[in-house]
Amino acid sequence: MTQPKSFELGLVMAGAISAGAYTAGVVDFLLQALEEWEKEKENQRTAHGENYQNWSIPPHNALISVLSSASAGGIVAAILATALRAPLAPVETPQDGDTGNILYNSWVEKIDIRHLLKTHDLNGPDKEDDIFSDLDEFADETEETTDKPLAPVVSVLDSTILEVIRDKAINIPASAPPRPYLNDPIQLFLTVSNLRGIPYRIDLRGANPGAGHDMWLHGDHVHFYLGSYNKILSDQGALHLDPAQSGAVGDWNILGKTTLATAAFPVGLAPRHLTRNTKHFNNRQWAVPLDTSQQPAGQCACWEYRSVKTLLGENTDFEFLNVDGGAANNEPLELARKAFKGHSKRNPRGDDEATRAVLMIDPFPDVADMETYEPVQNDLISTLKALIGTLKNQSRFKEDELLLALDETVFSRFVLVPLRYDTAGQPQKFAIASGSLGGFGGFGGFLSRAFREHDFFLGRRNCQRFLERYFALSPDNPLFADWSNALKSEYAISSNHNRLPIIPLLGRTKNPVPVLPWPGYTQKMLALLRNDTEIRLDAVVDRLIKTTIKSGIGRFMLKTVWWAKSGEMINGLMNIIKKELTKRGNMKPGNGY
């Protein structure tokens, strides 16, 4: 049997907090496009066998090979990995209730501010709360006993709902047949910000034997692979996700824990502990420069891959606390690119030679506002404020990725960002409804289900437009060698230099994806939010005082100060939210819902 040509795809899903709904929508449409294409291929095989010149649809393959993600993108990647064990019907129109689609259920239905402002993390979950109605593990934890120590405050928001969503996703039974568009195995990377750090030592020559320079790696990641057992990846420290396993067993359980770790937005959401064996760090492969003077003339093998030992020892368990993976590496392009490349020199980049590409889905692309780009004032407060942004931006600056991104001849990397157009076809200033509260990390989507639903379908629409117009290569690329001339003429994208699509739109994916009306928020909704916020903050402050202040007088004084100032502080927060929503056109006039 003749094997058709294949193109490998790596999905890089950036951190996005509440805008994970947008990423989920993109992935939902992408899977639907691949599913519809495979259905049509089966029809063509029945009619024409493997004689691809007679096929009326593109005969090549597109294989998902890598998932590399951070924060909210990490949640989408983990849900995708688990969902691939079972059927996943796309959500083509807005729906209420359980759709059976774990991406839509998790990002549109479940994750909401009303859950994040609960106090389950402090007092134990309420048996009558609907989010715990079918989770037996919480049945005996509804009351706080006098002899039980008070739970500490670990985050401003209640992260219990994330554990519920995680358990729902991880416990999917394995019931789906293998999907032809999935590589075997798929590599999965989830970034985490390791607060303990991984120690390394650079040995230097000098008078003191054994002296060197010690460094700590905090921008960490956990490496998984989904599919058949692979000894090479296992030896390098990757954890095996067996698609035949059902429920949270084996390394699937570690995936669930890592998912919460990559999404643990600092201060806002609870940090998470992970335990890894030191062999996973000692066996990682690093690119090490070679002595190029030893290379044959005309050749350049400038790097080799080696494992680098840590100071953690051999074969011991190492526990560490983690916060949001996006804090150190929000767009892990390099992990996907290096997974593709393996030990070869580089990935093919040309329009007529590319065989694989990374696609970054970035709901919040960091666009520099040059109008407000001003020098930092020389005072203590301004310096401290600027330092936070400095550390974040420097950790995300990648000179090699910048240089390649500026090269228009590189076709091994693509990006998909939110775009929304008015009825006249003009792009809107604000495309994504979850973009409010950017100063708080983009929590705006948690305020309303309508925001997340809008962004989910915007993700589907943007993915449709991207596949239809931009995700394409030259007709001279070997990927299209089996295409007939008539097929090339039919599928040529005239608006994109007559390039041919890597993933064609067939079947139902040709139907226009609905773009939902710009969602709104009302004064009455804001009043309900204020009430829930007050309840949550009162509980957090009370618990902080009880668990950190030993003096009775000190407790009384702090509670008095909070009682006197809390209303003013909460009103200030509501004014910030209202101002943000008004600026983006989300705040409706009047007091109705």
Protein backbone atom coordinates (compact mmCIF):
# COMPACT_ATOMS: atom_id res chain seq x y z
CA MET A 1 0.00 0.00 0.00
CA THR A 2 1.33 3.43 -0.92
CA GLN A 3 1.79 5.73 2.04
CA PRO A 4 0.60 9.33 1.56
CA LYS A 5 2.84 12.21 2.54
CA SER A 6 2.49 13.54 6.10
CA PHE A 7 2.88 16.92 7.77
CA GLU A 8 3.54 17.10 11.53
CA LEU A 9 1.92 19.73 13.72
CA GLY A 10 2.95 20.97 17.15
CA LEU A 11 0.42 23.00 19.14
CA VAL A 12 1.91 25.63 21.45
CA MET A 13 -0.85 26.90 23.75
CA ALA A 14 0.15 30.04 25.62
CA GLY A 15 -0.95 31.05 29.09
CA ALA A 16 -4.25 32.91 29.05
CA ILE A 17 -6.01 32.64 32.47
CA SER A 18 -9.74 32.97 31.70
CA ALA A 19 -9.18 33.14 27.93
CA GLY A 20 -8.49 29.42 27.91
CA ALA A 21 -12.03 29.33 26.51
CA TYR A 22 -10.66 30.84 23.28
CA THR A 23 -7.90 28.24 23.05
CA ALA A 24 -10.45 25.49 23.73
CA GLY A 25 -12.56 26.77 20.84
CA VAL A 26 -9.58 26.75 18.48
CA VAL A 27 -8.72 23.17 19.43
CA ASP A 28 -12.37 22.09 19.16
CA PHE A 29 -12.59 23.29 15.56
CA LEU A 30 -9.16 21.92 14.65
CA LEU A 31 -10.16 18.44 15.81
CA GLN A 32 -13.44 18.70 13.91
CA ALA A 33 -11.58 19.66 10.72
CA LEU A 34 -9.28 16.65 11.09
CA GLU A 35 -12.21 14.33 11.83
CA GLU A 36 -14.22 15.51 8.80
CA TRP A 37 -11.16 15.13 6.57
CA GLU A 38 -10.60 11.54 7.75
CA LYS A 39 -14.26 10.66 7.04
CA GLU A 40 -13.91 11.92 3.48
CA LYS A 41 -10.65 10.00 3.05
CA GLU A 42 -12.42 6.76 3.90
CA ASN A 43 -14.99 7.49 1.20
CA GLN A 44 -12.22 8.15 -1.31
CA ARG A 45 -10.42 4.92 -0.41
CA THR A 46 -13.63 2.99 -0.95
CA ALA A 47 -14.09 4.56 -4.37
CA HIS A 48 -10.50 4.83 -5.66
CA GLY A 49 -8.24 2.82 -3.37
CA GLU A 50 -4.74 4.29 -3.00
CA ASN A 51 -4.68 5.87 -6.48
CA TYR A 52 -4.42 9.40 -5.12
CA GLN A 53 -4.40 11.01 -8.58
CA ASN A 54 -8.09 10.12 -8.83
CA TRP A 55 -9.02 11.51 -5.42
CA SER A 56 -11.24 14.59 -5.32
CA ILE A 57 -9.94 15.69 -1.90
CA PRO A 58 -6.39 16.22 -0.55
CA PRO A 59 -4.85 12.77 0.11
CA HIS A 60 -1.96 13.70 2.43
CA ASN A 61 -1.96 13.47 6.23
CA ALA A 62 -1.63 16.00 9.04
CA LEU A 63 -0.42 14.54 12.34
CA ILE A 64 -0.51 16.19 15.75
CA SER A 65 2.88 15.30 17.22
CA VAL A 66 3.59 17.78 20.03
CA LEU A 67 1.59 19.70 22.63
CA SER A 68 3.60 22.37 24.47
CA SER A 69 1.64 24.57 26.84
CA ALA A 70 1.57 26.86 29.86
CA SER A 71 -1.06 27.93 32.38
CA ALA A 72 -4.57 27.94 30.84
CA GLY A 73 -3.08 26.52 27.66
CA GLY A 74 -1.70 23.70 29.79
CA ILE A 75 -5.22 22.92 31.03
CA VAL A 76 -6.45 22.76 27.43
CA ALA A 77 -3.54 20.49 26.44
CA ALA A 78 -4.14 18.14 29.38
CA ILE A 79 -7.89 18.00 28.72
CA LEU A 80 -7.15 17.30 25.07
CA ALA A 81 -4.81 14.45 25.99
CA THR A 82 -7.46 12.86 28.20
CA ALA A 83 -10.32 13.55 25.78
CA LEU A 84 -8.52 11.70 23.00
CA ARG A 85 -9.26 8.48 24.93
CA ALA A 86 -12.98 8.89 24.15
CA PRO A 87 -15.27 10.32 21.43
CA LEU A 88 -15.39 14.11 21.40
CA ALA A 89 -18.27 15.70 19.51
CA PRO A 90 -17.67 19.35 18.49
CA VAL A 91 -19.89 22.13 19.82
CA GLU A 92 -21.06 23.96 16.68
CA THR A 93 -23.70 26.23 18.23
CA PRO A 94 -24.16 27.71 21.73
CA GLN A 95 -25.57 25.19 24.20
CA ASP A 96 -26.53 25.04 27.86
CA GLY A 97 -25.81 22.20 30.25
CA ASP A 98 -23.60 19.16 29.73
CA THR A 99 -22.68 18.92 26.05
CA GLY A 100 -20.52 15.82 26.41
CA ASN A 101 -17.59 17.93 25.12
CA ILE A 102 -15.08 18.18 27.98
CA LEU A 103 -13.39 21.24 26.43
CA TYR A 104 -16.66 23.19 26.32
CA ASN A 105 -17.91 21.91 29.68
CA SER A 106 -14.67 22.83 31.43
CA TRP A 107 -14.06 26.25 29.93
CA VAL A 108 -17.57 27.58 29.33
CA GLU A 109 -19.85 25.83 31.81
CA LYS A 110 -17.78 25.04 34.91
CA ILE A 111 -15.10 27.62 35.59
CA ASP A 112 -16.82 30.76 36.91
CA ILE A 113 -16.22 33.52 39.44
CA ARG A 114 -19.10 32.30 41.63
CA HIS A 115 -17.09 29.12 42.30
CA LEU A 116 -13.77 30.93 42.67
CA LEU A 117 -15.30 33.14 45.38
CA LYS A 118 -16.52 30.20 47.48
CA THR A 119 -14.82 29.18 50.75
CA HIS A 120 -14.52 25.43 50.21
CA ASP A 121 -10.75 25.64 50.53
CA LEU A 122 -11.12 27.14 54.01
CA ASN A 123 -14.17 25.38 55.44
CA GLY A 124 -14.53 22.21 53.37
CA PRO A 125 -16.91 21.78 50.42
CA ASP A 126 -20.64 22.08 50.91
CA LYS A 127 -22.45 18.79 50.28
CA GLU A 128 -25.34 20.69 48.69
CA ASP A 129 -23.13 22.56 46.21
CA ASP A 130 -23.93 21.21 42.76
CA ILE A 131 -20.28 21.08 41.68
CA PHE A 132 -19.66 18.34 44.28
CA SER A 133 -22.91 16.46 43.80
CA ASP A 134 -21.33 13.42 42.15
CA LEU A 135 -17.89 13.44 43.75
CA ASP A 136 -17.80 10.95 46.63
CA GLU A 137 -14.31 12.01 47.75
CA PHE A 138 -15.75 15.17 49.32
CA ALA A 139 -18.71 13.52 51.07
CA ASP A 140 -17.13 13.45 54.53
CA GLU A 141 -15.40 16.83 54.41
CA THR A 142 -18.34 19.21 54.80
CA GLU A 143 -17.85 20.27 58.42
CA GLU A 144 -14.87 21.66 60.23
CA THR A 145 -14.34 19.98 63.60
CA THR A 146 -12.90 21.70 66.67
CA ASP A 147 -9.91 19.35 66.89
CA LYS A 148 -8.98 19.81 63.24
CA PRO A 149 -6.38 22.54 62.56
CA LEU A 150 -7.59 25.46 60.51
CA ALA A 151 -6.73 25.24 56.83
CA PRO A 152 -4.20 27.94 55.89
CA VAL A 153 -4.88 30.56 53.25
CA VAL A 154 -2.93 29.59 50.14
CA SER A 155 -4.60 31.86 47.57
CA VAL A 156 -6.95 34.79 47.26
CA LEU A 157 -9.44 32.70 45.26
CA ASP A 158 -10.91 29.27 46.03
CA SER A 159 -9.25 26.80 43.64
CA THR A 160 -11.45 23.83 44.55
CA ILE A 161 -13.42 24.07 41.31
CA LEU A 162 -10.20 23.42 39.37
CA GLU A 163 -9.79 20.13 41.21
CA VAL A 164 -13.36 19.18 40.27
CA ILE A 165 -12.76 20.00 36.60
CA ARG A 166 -9.47 18.09 36.71
CA ASP A 167 -11.09 14.98 38.17
CA LYS A 168 -13.91 15.08 35.59
CA ALA A 169 -11.40 15.23 32.75
CA ILE A 170 -8.82 12.72 33.99
CA ASN A 171 -11.43 10.07 34.83
CA ILE A 172 -12.67 9.75 31.25
CA PRO A 173 -12.90 6.03 30.35
CA ALA A 174 -10.79 4.80 27.45
CA SER A 175 -13.31 3.99 24.74
CA ALA A 176 -12.24 5.68 21.49
CA PRO A 177 -10.56 3.93 18.54
CA PRO A 178 -7.15 5.30 17.48
CA ARG A 179 -7.38 8.54 15.53
CA PRO A 180 -5.41 8.59 12.25
CA TYR A 181 -4.37 12.22 12.74
CA LEU A 182 -2.49 11.55 15.98
CA ASN A 183 1.17 10.65 15.87
CA ASP A 184 2.40 7.77 18.00
CA PRO A 185 3.54 8.95 20.40
CA ILE A 186 2.48 12.56 20.97
CA GLN A 187 4.87 14.46 23.18
CA LEU A 188 3.29 16.74 25.80
CA PHE A 189 5.13 19.48 27.72
CA LEU A 190 3.56 21.44 30.59
CA THR A 191 5.63 24.31 31.96
CA VAL A 192 5.75 25.05 35.68
CA SER A 193 7.54 27.67 37.76
CA ASN A 194 9.47 25.61 40.29
CA LEU A 195 9.77 27.74 43.45
CA ARG A 196 12.34 25.44 45.04
CA GLY A 197 14.56 25.34 41.98
CA ILE A 198 16.77 22.63 40.50
CA PRO A 199 20.44 23.14 41.45
CA TYR A 200 23.24 22.74 38.91
CA ARG A 201 26.98 23.38 39.26
CA ILE A 202 29.44 24.57 36.65
CA ASP A 203 32.87 23.25 37.60
CA LEU A 204 35.61 25.82 37.01
CA ARG A 205 39.35 25.33 37.06
CA GLY A 206 41.10 27.02 39.96
CA ALA A 207 43.16 26.61 43.09
CA ASN A 208 40.23 25.15 45.04
CA PRO A 209 39.39 21.67 43.70
CA GLY A 210 35.65 21.14 43.32
CA ALA A 211 34.87 24.86 43.33
CA GLY A 212 32.41 26.11 40.78
CA HIS A 213 29.44 28.29 40.06
CA ASP A 214 26.06 27.10 41.31
CA MET A 215 22.82 27.93 39.46
CA TRP A 216 19.15 27.12 40.03
CA LEU A 217 16.64 26.38 37.28
CA HIS A 218 13.12 27.64 38.14
CA GLY A 219 11.59 27.74 34.65
CA ASP A 220 10.79 24.04 34.69
CA HIS A 221 8.54 21.67 32.74
CA VAL A 222 7.12 18.16 33.00
CA HIS A 223 7.44 15.96 29.92
CA PHE A 224 4.82 13.32 29.00
CA TYR A 225 4.16 11.22 25.93
CA LEU A 226 0.81 9.82 24.83
CA GLY A 227 0.68 6.57 22.86
CA SER A 228 2.82 3.45 22.62
CA TYR A 229 5.65 2.86 25.07
CA ASN A 230 8.85 4.59 23.91
CA LYS A 231 12.09 3.60 25.64
CA ILE A 232 14.08 6.59 24.37
CA LEU A 233 11.60 9.11 25.73
CA SER A 234 11.23 7.18 28.98
CA ASP A 235 15.01 7.13 29.46
CA GLN A 236 15.04 10.91 28.99
CA GLY A 237 12.55 11.36 31.84
CA ALA A 238 9.23 11.55 29.96
CA LEU A 239 6.18 9.99 31.65
CA HIS A 240 4.03 7.53 29.71
CA LEU A 241 0.32 8.23 29.18
CA ASP A 242 -1.16 4.93 28.04
CA PRO A 243 -4.30 5.69 25.95
CA ALA A 244 -5.73 2.28 26.87
CA GLN A 245 -5.83 3.15 30.59
CA SER A 246 -9.08 4.43 32.08
CA GLY A 247 -9.28 6.97 34.88
CA ALA A 248 -6.60 8.72 36.92
CA VAL A 249 -4.12 5.85 37.13
CA GLY A 250 -0.37 5.67 36.65
CA ASP A 251 1.15 8.71 35.01
CA TRP A 252 -2.33 10.04 34.19
CA ASN A 253 -2.56 10.90 37.88
CA ILE A 254 0.69 12.90 37.63
CA LEU A 255 -0.72 14.68 34.57
CA GLY A 256 -3.70 15.76 36.65
CA LYS A 257 -1.48 17.19 39.38
CA THR A 258 0.79 18.92 36.87
CA THR A 259 -2.23 20.49 35.16
CA LEU A 260 -3.15 22.31 38.36
CA ALA A 261 0.50 23.29 38.88
CA THR A 262 0.88 24.92 35.46
CA ALA A 263 -2.34 26.91 36.02
CA ALA A 264 -1.58 28.08 39.58
CA PHE A 265 -1.64 31.84 38.89
CA PRO A 266 0.56 33.39 41.61
CA VAL A 267 -1.39 34.61 44.67
CA GLY A 268 -4.72 34.28 42.85
CA LEU A 269 -4.86 30.46 42.66
CA ALA A 270 -3.41 27.81 44.94
CA PRO A 271 0.21 26.71 44.32
CA ARG A 272 0.73 22.97 43.87
CA HIS A 273 3.26 20.40 45.08
CA LEU A 274 4.82 17.93 42.68
CA THR A 275 7.21 15.06 43.40
CA ARG A 276 9.60 13.78 40.75
CA ASN A 277 12.44 11.29 40.85
CA THR A 278 15.80 12.95 40.29
CA LYS A 279 16.44 10.69 37.30
CA HIS A 280 13.90 12.79 35.36
CA PHE A 281 16.13 15.84 35.79
CA ASN A 282 19.48 14.04 35.39
CA ASN A 283 18.43 12.37 32.12
CA ARG A 284 17.16 15.46 30.34
CA GLN A 285 18.90 16.24 27.07
CA TRP A 286 20.60 19.63 26.67
CA ALA A 287 22.16 21.18 23.56
CA VAL A 288 25.89 21.67 24.21
CA PRO A 289 28.20 23.69 21.88
CA LEU A 290 30.91 21.71 20.07
CA ASP A 291 34.41 22.67 19.00
CA THR A 292 33.69 23.67 15.39
CA SER A 293 37.39 23.54 14.51
CA GLN A 294 37.08 19.75 14.49
CA GLN A 295 34.28 19.75 11.89
CA PRO A 296 34.96 18.63 8.31
CA ALA A 297 35.13 21.43 5.74
CA GLY A 298 31.73 22.59 4.55
CA GLN A 299 29.87 20.97 7.43
CA CYS A 300 28.57 22.41 10.70
CA ALA A 301 27.40 20.09 13.43
CA CYS A 302 27.69 22.81 16.04
CA TRP A 303 25.76 21.09 18.82
CA GLU A 304 25.45 17.76 20.49
CA TYR A 305 22.94 16.60 23.10
CA ARG A 306 24.02 15.51 26.56
CA SER A 307 22.46 14.90 29.92
CA VAL A 308 23.61 17.26 32.68
CA LYS A 309 23.69 16.03 36.26
CA THR A 310 22.05 18.10 38.96
CA LEU A 311 23.17 18.38 42.59
CA LEU A 312 20.12 16.38 43.69
CA GLY A 313 21.79 12.98 43.64
CA GLU A 314 20.72 9.78 41.94
CA ASN A 315 17.31 8.06 42.07
CA THR A 316 15.77 10.01 44.93
CA ASP A 317 12.38 11.72 45.17
CA PHE A 318 12.42 15.49 44.94
CA GLU A 319 9.39 17.52 46.11
CA PHE A 320 8.87 21.10 45.00
CA LEU A 321 6.16 23.78 45.10
CA ASN A 322 4.98 25.28 41.81
CA VAL A 323 3.10 28.28 40.54
CA ASP A 324 1.87 29.23 37.09
CA GLY A 325 4.09 27.91 34.31
CA GLY A 326 3.52 31.14 32.41
CA ALA A 327 5.41 33.10 35.06
CA ALA A 328 8.69 31.74 33.67
CA ASN A 329 7.77 30.42 30.21
CA ASN A 330 4.40 31.51 28.85
CA GLU A 331 4.96 30.60 25.19
CA PRO A 332 7.08 27.39 25.21
CA LEU A 333 7.83 27.41 21.48
CA GLU A 334 11.32 26.07 21.98
CA LEU A 335 10.10 22.89 23.70
CA ALA A 336 7.89 21.99 20.73
CA ARG A 337 10.52 22.99 18.18
CA LYS A 338 13.25 20.93 19.84
CA ALA A 339 10.93 17.94 20.23
CA PHE A 340 10.37 18.07 16.47
CA LYS A 341 14.02 18.57 15.63
CA GLY A 342 15.38 15.82 17.83
CA HIS A 343 19.15 15.63 17.32
CA SER A 344 19.11 16.94 13.75
CA LYS A 345 20.49 20.35 12.84
CA ARG A 346 17.16 22.16 12.37
CA ASN A 347 13.61 21.78 11.10
CA PRO A 348 13.07 22.44 7.36
CA ARG A 349 11.83 26.02 7.08
CA GLY A 350 11.20 26.88 3.45
CA ASP A 351 7.80 27.25 1.81
CA ASP A 352 8.67 24.41 -0.54
CA GLU A 353 10.39 22.11 1.98
CA ALA A 354 8.70 22.39 5.40
CA THR A 355 7.55 19.02 6.75
CA ARG A 356 6.41 20.17 10.19
CA ALA A 357 5.38 23.36 11.93
CA VAL A 358 4.57 24.72 15.35
CA LEU A 359 1.29 26.61 15.69
CA MET A 360 1.12 28.97 18.65
CA ILE A 361 -2.36 29.78 19.95
CA ASP A 362 -2.02 33.00 21.94
CA PRO A 363 -5.23 34.61 23.25
CA PHE A 364 -3.28 37.50 24.81
CA PRO A 365 -0.42 38.39 22.48
CA ASP A 366 1.86 40.87 24.25
CA VAL A 367 1.47 43.94 22.06
CA ALA A 368 3.72 46.80 23.10
CA ASP A 369 1.86 50.05 23.74
CA MET A 370 4.41 52.55 22.46
CA GLU A 371 2.15 55.51 23.33
CA THR A 372 2.64 54.80 27.04
CA TYR A 373 6.26 53.67 26.73
CA GLU A 374 7.87 56.09 29.15
CA PRO A 375 11.07 56.08 31.25
CA VAL A 376 10.76 54.68 34.77
CA GLN A 377 10.69 57.35 37.46
CA ASN A 378 13.59 57.23 39.93
CA ASP A 379 11.76 56.58 43.19
CA LEU A 380 11.33 53.49 45.37
CA ILE A 381 7.71 52.66 44.49
CA SER A 382 8.19 53.15 40.75
CA THR A 383 11.32 50.98 40.80
CA LEU A 384 9.55 48.14 42.62
CA LYS A 385 6.59 48.28 40.24
CA ALA A 386 8.88 48.24 37.21
CA LEU A 387 10.92 45.36 38.62
CA ILE A 388 7.97 42.95 38.47
CA GLY A 389 7.41 43.65 34.78
CA THR A 390 11.14 43.48 34.13
CA LEU A 391 11.50 39.99 35.59
CA LYS A 392 8.45 38.74 33.70
CA ASN A 393 9.41 40.23 30.34
CA GLN A 394 13.05 39.14 30.56
CA SER A 395 12.06 35.55 31.37
CA ARG A 396 9.93 35.53 28.20
CA PHE A 397 12.49 37.13 25.89
CA LYS A 398 13.90 34.54 23.46
CA GLU A 399 16.35 35.97 20.97
CA ASP A 400 16.48 32.89 18.73
CA GLU A 401 12.68 32.79 18.40
CA LEU A 402 12.62 36.55 17.66
CA LEU A 403 15.16 36.27 14.86
CA LEU A 404 13.35 33.37 13.19
CA ALA A 405 9.97 35.06 13.55
CA LEU A 406 11.29 38.09 11.63
CA ASP A 407 12.36 35.88 8.71
CA GLU A 408 9.55 35.77 6.12
CA THR A 409 11.05 32.68 4.50
CA VAL A 410 10.40 30.54 7.60
CA PHE A 411 7.29 28.36 7.26
CA SER A 412 7.89 26.09 10.22
CA ARG A 413 6.02 28.34 12.68
CA PHE A 414 2.59 29.96 12.63
CA VAL A 415 0.54 31.94 15.15
CA LEU A 416 -3.20 32.22 15.74
CA VAL A 417 -4.47 35.20 17.78
CA PRO A 418 -7.98 36.59 18.40
CA LEU A 419 -9.47 38.64 15.56
CA ARG A 420 -13.00 40.00 15.44
CA TYR A 421 -14.56 41.95 12.57
CA ASP A 422 -17.60 44.21 12.33
CA THR A 423 -20.31 43.85 9.67
CA ALA A 424 -18.24 45.99 7.31
CA GLY A 425 -15.27 43.65 7.62
CA GLN A 426 -13.17 45.99 9.75
CA PRO A 427 -11.13 44.52 12.63
CA GLN A 428 -12.36 45.49 16.10
CA LYS A 429 -10.10 47.01 18.75
CA PHE A 430 -11.19 44.45 21.33
CA ALA A 431 -11.57 40.95 19.94
CA ILE A 432 -11.70 38.78 23.02
CA ALA A 433 -14.33 39.26 25.73
CA SER A 434 -12.12 37.74 28.44
CA GLY A 435 -9.50 40.44 27.99
CA SER A 436 -10.71 42.71 30.79
CA LEU A 437 -8.80 42.87 34.07
CA GLY A 438 -5.54 42.45 32.20
CA GLY A 439 -3.71 44.00 35.14
CA PHE A 440 -4.88 41.03 37.20
CA GLY A 441 -3.69 38.51 34.61
CA GLY A 442 -6.78 38.41 32.41
CA PHE A 443 -9.40 37.20 34.89
CA GLY A 444 -12.25 39.01 33.08
CA GLY A 445 -13.63 35.87 31.45
CA PHE A 446 -14.46 34.39 34.84
CA LEU A 447 -17.01 37.18 35.46
CA SER A 448 -19.59 35.85 33.02
CA ARG A 449 -20.43 32.68 31.15
CA ALA A 450 -21.37 34.86 28.16
CA PHE A 451 -17.77 36.13 27.94
CA ARG A 452 -16.36 32.60 27.81
CA GLU A 453 -18.99 31.37 25.36
CA HIS A 454 -18.24 34.30 23.04
CA ASP A 455 -14.52 33.53 23.15
CA PHE A 456 -15.01 29.79 22.57
CA PHE A 457 -16.88 30.45 19.33
CA LEU A 458 -14.48 33.22 18.34
CA GLY A 459 -11.73 30.60 18.70
CA ARG A 460 -13.65 28.24 16.42
CA ARG A 461 -14.23 31.03 13.88
CA ASN A 462 -10.61 32.20 13.92
CA CYS A 463 -9.37 28.63 13.49
CA GLN A 464 -11.68 28.16 10.50
CA ARG A 465 -10.37 31.35 8.90
CA PHE A 466 -6.75 30.40 9.67
CA LEU A 467 -6.99 26.93 8.09
CA GLU A 468 -8.87 28.31 5.12
CA ARG A 469 -6.50 31.19 4.28
CA TYR A 470 -3.16 31.09 6.05
CA PHE A 471 -2.07 27.58 7.06
CA ALA A 472 -0.66 26.73 3.65
CA LEU A 473 2.50 25.92 1.71
CA SER A 474 3.87 26.20 -1.82
CA PRO A 475 2.43 23.78 -4.42
CA ASP A 476 6.05 22.68 -4.96
CA ASN A 477 6.28 21.29 -1.45
CA PRO A 478 6.67 17.46 -1.54
CA LEU A 479 3.62 17.24 0.75
CA PHE A 480 1.47 17.78 -2.34
CA ALA A 481 3.32 15.37 -4.66
CA ASP A 482 0.33 13.00 -4.81
CA TRP A 483 -2.14 15.74 -5.76
CA SER A 484 -3.47 15.89 -9.32
CA ASN A 485 -3.15 19.18 -11.19
CA ALA A 486 -6.93 19.55 -11.13
CA LEU A 487 -6.93 19.17 -7.33
CA LYS A 488 -4.18 21.78 -6.97
CA SER A 489 -6.14 24.19 -9.12
CA GLU A 490 -9.33 23.62 -7.11
CA TYR A 491 -7.76 24.13 -3.69
CA ALA A 492 -5.28 26.91 -4.51
CA ILE A 493 -5.68 29.89 -2.16
CA SER A 494 -5.64 32.89 -4.50
CA SER A 495 -5.35 35.38 -1.63
CA ASN A 496 -2.21 33.59 -0.38
CA HIS A 497 -0.01 33.29 -3.50
CA ASN A 498 -1.92 30.18 -4.69
CA ARG A 499 -0.51 28.14 -1.83
CA LEU A 500 -2.26 24.89 -0.90
CA PRO A 501 -3.91 24.19 2.46
CA ILE A 502 -2.20 21.92 4.96
CA ILE A 503 -5.55 21.03 6.57
CA PRO A 504 -8.49 21.43 4.14
CA LEU A 505 -12.02 22.29 5.23
CA LEU A 506 -14.45 19.54 4.32
CA GLY A 507 -17.94 18.47 5.35
CA ARG A 508 -19.50 20.52 8.14
CA THR A 509 -16.35 22.58 8.72
CA LYS A 510 -17.17 24.57 5.56
CA ASN A 511 -20.28 25.96 7.27
CA PRO A 512 -19.69 29.46 8.67
CA VAL A 513 -18.96 29.42 12.40
CA PRO A 514 -21.29 31.82 14.24
CA VAL A 515 -19.78 34.95 15.73
CA LEU A 516 -21.75 35.75 18.87
CA PRO A 517 -22.81 39.30 19.80
CA TRP A 518 -20.41 41.23 22.01
CA PRO A 519 -21.43 40.18 25.54
CA GLY A 520 -22.42 42.62 28.27
CA TYR A 521 -22.37 42.99 32.04
CA THR A 522 -24.93 44.86 34.14
CA GLN A 523 -24.94 46.87 37.33
CA LYS A 524 -26.99 44.17 39.06
CA MET A 525 -24.45 41.53 38.09
CA LEU A 526 -21.75 43.79 39.50
CA ALA A 527 -23.72 44.08 42.76
CA LEU A 528 -23.89 40.28 43.05
CA LEU A 529 -20.17 40.09 42.35
CA ARG A 530 -19.52 42.61 45.10
CA ASN A 531 -21.51 40.55 47.59
CA ASP A 532 -19.65 37.32 46.73
CA THR A 533 -16.31 39.15 46.84
CA GLU A 534 -17.07 40.55 50.27
CA ILE A 535 -17.95 37.11 51.64
CA ARG A 536 -14.77 35.60 50.22
CA LEU A 537 -12.41 38.36 51.38
CA ASP A 538 -13.96 38.43 54.86
CA ALA A 539 -13.29 34.70 55.16
CA VAL A 540 -9.73 35.02 53.79
CA VAL A 541 -8.78 37.90 56.09
CA ASP A 542 -10.36 36.22 59.12
CA ARG A 543 -8.43 33.00 58.44
CA LEU A 544 -5.17 34.88 57.86
CA ILE A 545 -5.56 36.64 61.20
CA LYS A 546 -6.42 33.42 63.04
CA THR A 547 -3.53 31.40 61.61
CA THR A 548 -0.76 34.02 61.72
CA ILE A 549 -1.45 36.30 64.71
CA LYS A 550 -1.01 34.76 68.16
CA SER A 551 -1.94 37.78 70.26
CA GLY A 552 -5.61 38.23 71.09
CA ILE A 553 -5.20 41.99 71.13
CA GLY A 554 -3.44 41.89 67.78
CA ARG A 555 -6.27 39.84 66.27
CA PHE A 556 -8.87 42.27 67.61
CA MET A 557 -7.02 45.30 66.23
CA LEU A 558 -6.55 43.79 62.76
CA LYS A 559 -10.18 42.68 62.55
CA THR A 560 -11.25 46.19 63.55
CA VAL A 561 -9.10 47.75 60.84
CA TRP A 562 -10.49 45.33 58.24
CA TRP A 563 -14.06 46.02 59.34
CA ALA A 564 -13.45 49.77 58.97
CA LYS A 565 -11.62 49.67 55.63
CA SER A 566 -12.97 46.60 53.82
CA GLY A 567 -15.98 48.34 52.31
CA GLU A 568 -13.81 51.07 50.85
CA MET A 569 -11.34 48.55 49.44
CA ILE A 570 -14.03 46.36 47.88
CA ASN A 571 -15.76 49.39 46.38
CA GLY A 572 -12.44 50.41 44.87
CA LEU A 573 -12.04 46.96 43.34
CA MET A 574 -15.57 47.08 41.89
CA ASN A 575 -14.83 50.50 40.38
CA ILE A 576 -11.73 49.08 38.69
CA ILE A 577 -13.77 46.20 37.25
CA LYS A 578 -16.53 48.54 36.07
CA LYS A 579 -14.01 50.88 34.47
CA GLU A 580 -12.35 47.97 32.64
CA LEU A 581 -15.67 46.60 31.38
CA THR A 582 -16.82 50.06 30.30
CA LYS A 583 -13.58 50.68 28.38
CA ARG A 584 -14.06 47.45 26.44
CA GLY A 585 -17.77 48.05 25.77
CA ASN A 586 -18.97 45.22 28.03
CA MET A 587 -20.76 47.34 30.66
CA LYS A 588 -24.46 47.75 29.87
CA PRO A 589 -26.45 50.77 31.06
CA GLY A 590 -29.19 50.28 33.62
CA ASN A 591 -29.67 47.85 36.48
CA GLY A 592 -31.21 44.84 34.74
CA TYR A 593 -29.60 41.49 34.00
